[in-house]
Amino acid sequence: MDDPKKKIMVLMRKAPHGSNYPYGGLEAILMMGAYEQDVSVVFLDDGVFVIKKGQDTSEIAVKEFSVTFRALGDYDVEKLYIEKESMESRGLTLDDLVITPEVLEASEIAKLISAQDTILPF
């Protein structure tokens, strides 16, 4: 008898540059997707900038990786959410993003989080 897949949620909370957390989160998401895990991703706080279009990292000499999030569908990672309040308070709209996550209120995200088996914050 097969065990049902555990529900895993990755919280992308950190700005894309200045730490290894966001890139590490992306790598974790891709690995879980490759192993067909039931993974969802939430972009909140400064993590909304991780998927912002047009990032110029030439001045800080790091690789710009936001476009890699477009590959998530190839790994069957399709449960993508962004917190409305975080997005709006940082002056972003869906048109500013490299992917189109589902926009949810903080209270809706809290419900999703409570339904997960594992939470991985990045």
C-alpha atoms as a PDB file:
ATOM      1  CA  MET A   1       0.000   0.000   0.000  1.00  0.00           C
ATOM      2  CA  ASP A   2       1.367   3.404  -0.992  1.00  0.00           C
ATOM      3  CA  ASP A   3       1.689   6.112   1.602  1.00  0.00           C
ATOM      4  CA  PRO A   4       0.063   9.382   0.602  1.00  0.00           C
ATOM      5  CA  LYS A   5       2.555  12.097  -0.192  1.00  0.00           C
ATOM      6  CA  LYS A   6       3.348  14.520   2.587  1.00  0.00           C
ATOM      7  CA  LYS A   7       2.371  18.088   1.803  1.00  0.00           C
ATOM      8  CA  ILE A   8       5.447  20.308   1.798  1.00  0.00           C
ATOM      9  CA  MET A   9       5.301  24.106   1.649  1.00  0.00           C
ATOM     10  CA  VAL A  10       8.273  26.311   0.885  1.00  0.00           C
ATOM     11  CA  LEU A  11       8.022  29.859   2.207  1.00  0.00           C
ATOM     12  CA  MET A  12      10.138  32.282   0.202  1.00  0.00           C
ATOM     13  CA  ARG A  13      10.524  35.202   2.640  1.00  0.00           C
ATOM     14  CA  LYS A  14      13.950  36.695   1.953  1.00  0.00           C
ATOM     15  CA  ALA A  15      15.062  39.197  -0.669  1.00  0.00           C
ATOM     16  CA  PRO A  16      16.726  37.499  -3.641  1.00  0.00           C
ATOM     17  CA  HIS A  17      20.248  38.752  -2.988  1.00  0.00           C
ATOM     18  CA  GLY A  18      22.253  39.258   0.175  1.00  0.00           C
ATOM     19  CA  SER A  19      21.967  35.695   1.469  1.00  0.00           C
ATOM     20  CA  ASN A  20      21.913  32.166   0.100  1.00  0.00           C
ATOM     21  CA  TYR A  21      18.400  31.456   1.379  1.00  0.00           C
ATOM     22  CA  PRO A  22      16.396  32.267  -1.772  1.00  0.00           C
ATOM     23  CA  TYR A  23      18.682  30.357  -4.123  1.00  0.00           C
ATOM     24  CA  GLY A  24      18.765  27.447  -1.673  1.00  0.00           C
ATOM     25  CA  GLY A  25      14.971  27.536  -1.576  1.00  0.00           C
ATOM     26  CA  LEU A  26      14.794  27.373  -5.343  1.00  0.00           C
ATOM     27  CA  GLU A  27      17.167  24.405  -5.405  1.00  0.00           C
ATOM     28  CA  ALA A  28      15.076  22.629  -2.750  1.00  0.00           C
ATOM     29  CA  ILE A  29      11.884  23.241  -4.725  1.00  0.00           C
ATOM     30  CA  LEU A  30      13.441  21.857  -7.913  1.00  0.00           C
ATOM     31  CA  MET A  31      14.757  18.761  -6.117  1.00  0.00           C
ATOM     32  CA  MET A  32      11.402  18.055  -4.488  1.00  0.00           C
ATOM     33  CA  GLY A  33       9.683  18.510  -7.826  1.00  0.00           C
ATOM     34  CA  ALA A  34      12.135  16.137  -9.490  1.00  0.00           C
ATOM     35  CA  TYR A  35      11.230  13.520  -6.866  1.00  0.00           C
ATOM     36  CA  GLU A  36       7.500  14.140  -7.412  1.00  0.00           C
ATOM     37  CA  GLN A  37       6.799  15.532  -3.965  1.00  0.00           C
ATOM     38  CA  ASP A  38       3.575  17.411  -3.206  1.00  0.00           C
ATOM     39  CA  VAL A  39       5.218  20.827  -2.916  1.00  0.00           C
ATOM     40  CA  SER A  40       3.718  24.291  -2.864  1.00  0.00           C
ATOM     41  CA  VAL A  41       5.490  27.643  -2.767  1.00  0.00           C
ATOM     42  CA  VAL A  42       4.457  30.888  -1.101  1.00  0.00           C
ATOM     43  CA  PHE A  43       6.174  34.207  -1.816  1.00  0.00           C
ATOM     44  CA  LEU A  44       5.751  36.658   1.039  1.00  0.00           C
ATOM     45  CA  ASP A  45       7.545  39.500   2.785  1.00  0.00           C
ATOM     46  CA  ASP A  46      10.664  40.462   0.770  1.00  0.00           C
ATOM     47  CA  GLY A  47      10.493  37.049  -0.885  1.00  0.00           C
ATOM     48  CA  VAL A  48       8.122  38.585  -3.433  1.00  0.00           C
ATOM     49  CA  PHE A  49      11.202  40.194  -5.006  1.00  0.00           C
ATOM     50  CA  VAL A  50      12.635  36.744  -5.802  1.00  0.00           C
ATOM     51  CA  ILE A  51      10.271  36.487  -8.782  1.00  0.00           C
ATOM     52  CA  LYS A  52      10.486  40.126  -9.912  1.00  0.00           C
ATOM     53  CA  LYS A  53      11.250  40.642 -13.605  1.00  0.00           C
ATOM     54  CA  GLY A  54      14.268  42.561 -14.799  1.00  0.00           C
ATOM     55  CA  GLN A  55      16.664  42.177 -11.894  1.00  0.00           C
ATOM     56  CA  ASP A  56      20.085  43.604 -12.700  1.00  0.00           C
ATOM     57  CA  THR A  57      22.724  41.916 -10.582  1.00  0.00           C
ATOM     58  CA  SER A  58      25.773  43.149 -12.514  1.00  0.00           C
ATOM     59  CA  GLU A  59      26.700  45.611  -9.764  1.00  0.00           C
ATOM     60  CA  ILE A  60      26.771  42.921  -7.063  1.00  0.00           C
ATOM     61  CA  ALA A  61      28.466  40.213  -9.152  1.00  0.00           C
ATOM     62  CA  VAL A  62      25.963  37.435  -8.502  1.00  0.00           C
ATOM     63  CA  LYS A  63      23.935  35.350 -10.921  1.00  0.00           C
ATOM     64  CA  GLU A  64      20.367  36.494 -11.491  1.00  0.00           C
ATOM     65  CA  PHE A  65      18.180  33.418 -11.001  1.00  0.00           C
ATOM     66  CA  SER A  66      14.580  34.667 -10.966  1.00  0.00           C
ATOM     67  CA  VAL A  67      13.861  33.346 -14.465  1.00  0.00           C
ATOM     68  CA  THR A  68      14.616  29.814 -13.223  1.00  0.00           C
ATOM     69  CA  PHE A  69      11.248  29.907 -11.427  1.00  0.00           C
ATOM     70  CA  ARG A  70       9.661  29.595 -14.890  1.00  0.00           C
ATOM     71  CA  ALA A  71      10.887  25.984 -14.943  1.00  0.00           C
ATOM     72  CA  LEU A  72       8.787  24.955 -11.937  1.00  0.00           C
ATOM     73  CA  GLY A  73       5.946  23.783 -14.172  1.00  0.00           C
ATOM     74  CA  ASP A  74       8.371  21.374 -15.867  1.00  0.00           C
ATOM     75  CA  TYR A  75       8.851  19.798 -12.421  1.00  0.00           C
ATOM     76  CA  ASP A  76       5.092  19.666 -11.761  1.00  0.00           C
ATOM     77  CA  VAL A  77       5.383  22.359  -9.091  1.00  0.00           C
ATOM     78  CA  GLU A  78       2.193  24.230  -9.847  1.00  0.00           C
ATOM     79  CA  LYS A  79       0.910  25.350  -6.439  1.00  0.00           C
ATOM     80  CA  LEU A  80       2.395  28.837  -6.433  1.00  0.00           C
ATOM     81  CA  TYR A  81       1.020  31.600  -4.218  1.00  0.00           C
ATOM     82  CA  ILE A  82       1.909  35.186  -3.412  1.00  0.00           C
ATOM     83  CA  GLU A  83       0.692  37.122  -0.407  1.00  0.00           C
ATOM     84  CA  LYS A  84      -1.348  40.069  -1.625  1.00  0.00           C
ATOM     85  CA  GLU A  85      -0.310  42.366   1.215  1.00  0.00           C
ATOM     86  CA  SER A  86       3.413  41.700   0.700  1.00  0.00           C
ATOM     87  CA  MET A  87       3.156  42.247  -3.041  1.00  0.00           C
ATOM     88  CA  GLU A  88       1.133  45.445  -2.803  1.00  0.00           C
ATOM     89  CA  SER A  89       3.128  46.994   0.043  1.00  0.00           C
ATOM     90  CA  ARG A  90       6.267  46.605  -2.083  1.00  0.00           C
ATOM     91  CA  GLY A  91       4.644  48.224  -5.109  1.00  0.00           C
ATOM     92  CA  LEU A  92       4.463  45.084  -7.227  1.00  0.00           C
ATOM     93  CA  THR A  93       1.726  43.707  -9.457  1.00  0.00           C
ATOM     94  CA  LEU A  94       1.462  40.352 -11.239  1.00  0.00           C
ATOM     95  CA  ASP A  95       2.767  42.083 -14.381  1.00  0.00           C
ATOM     96  CA  ASP A  96       6.068  42.700 -12.551  1.00  0.00           C
ATOM     97  CA  LEU A  97       6.694  38.989 -11.954  1.00  0.00           C
ATOM     98  CA  VAL A  98       8.418  36.270 -14.017  1.00  0.00           C
ATOM     99  CA  ILE A  99       5.661  33.788 -13.091  1.00  0.00           C
ATOM    100  CA  THR A 100       1.989  34.202 -12.248  1.00  0.00           C
ATOM    101  CA  PRO A 101       1.293  32.816  -8.778  1.00  0.00           C
ATOM    102  CA  GLU A 102      -2.179  32.839  -7.279  1.00  0.00           C
ATOM    103  CA  VAL A 103      -2.697  35.966  -5.180  1.00  0.00           C
ATOM    104  CA  LEU A 104      -3.987  35.220  -1.679  1.00  0.00           C
ATOM    105  CA  GLU A 105      -4.752  37.276   1.409  1.00  0.00           C
ATOM    106  CA  ALA A 106      -2.614  36.645   4.511  1.00  0.00           C
ATOM    107  CA  SER A 107      -5.517  34.830   6.186  1.00  0.00           C
ATOM    108  CA  GLU A 108      -5.849  32.442   3.218  1.00  0.00           C
ATOM    109  CA  ILE A 109      -2.127  31.714   3.311  1.00  0.00           C
ATOM    110  CA  ALA A 110      -2.348  31.012   7.046  1.00  0.00           C
ATOM    111  CA  LYS A 111      -5.011  28.366   6.295  1.00  0.00           C
ATOM    112  CA  LEU A 112      -2.808  26.785   3.633  1.00  0.00           C
ATOM    113  CA  ILE A 113       0.161  26.715   5.996  1.00  0.00           C
ATOM    114  CA  SER A 114      -1.870  24.994   8.696  1.00  0.00           C
ATOM    115  CA  ALA A 115      -2.809  22.221   6.236  1.00  0.00           C
ATOM    116  CA  GLN A 116       0.824  21.302   5.457  1.00  0.00           C
ATOM    117  CA  ASP A 117       2.839  18.430   6.878  1.00  0.00           C
ATOM    118  CA  THR A 118       6.160  20.248   6.516  1.00  0.00           C
ATOM    119  CA  ILE A 119       7.069  23.937   6.234  1.00  0.00           C
ATOM    120  CA  LEU A 120      10.465  24.965   4.865  1.00  0.00           C
ATOM    121  CA  PRO A 121      11.265  28.669   5.329  1.00  0.00           C
ATOM    122  CA  PHE A 122      13.787  30.319   3.024  1.00  0.00           C
END
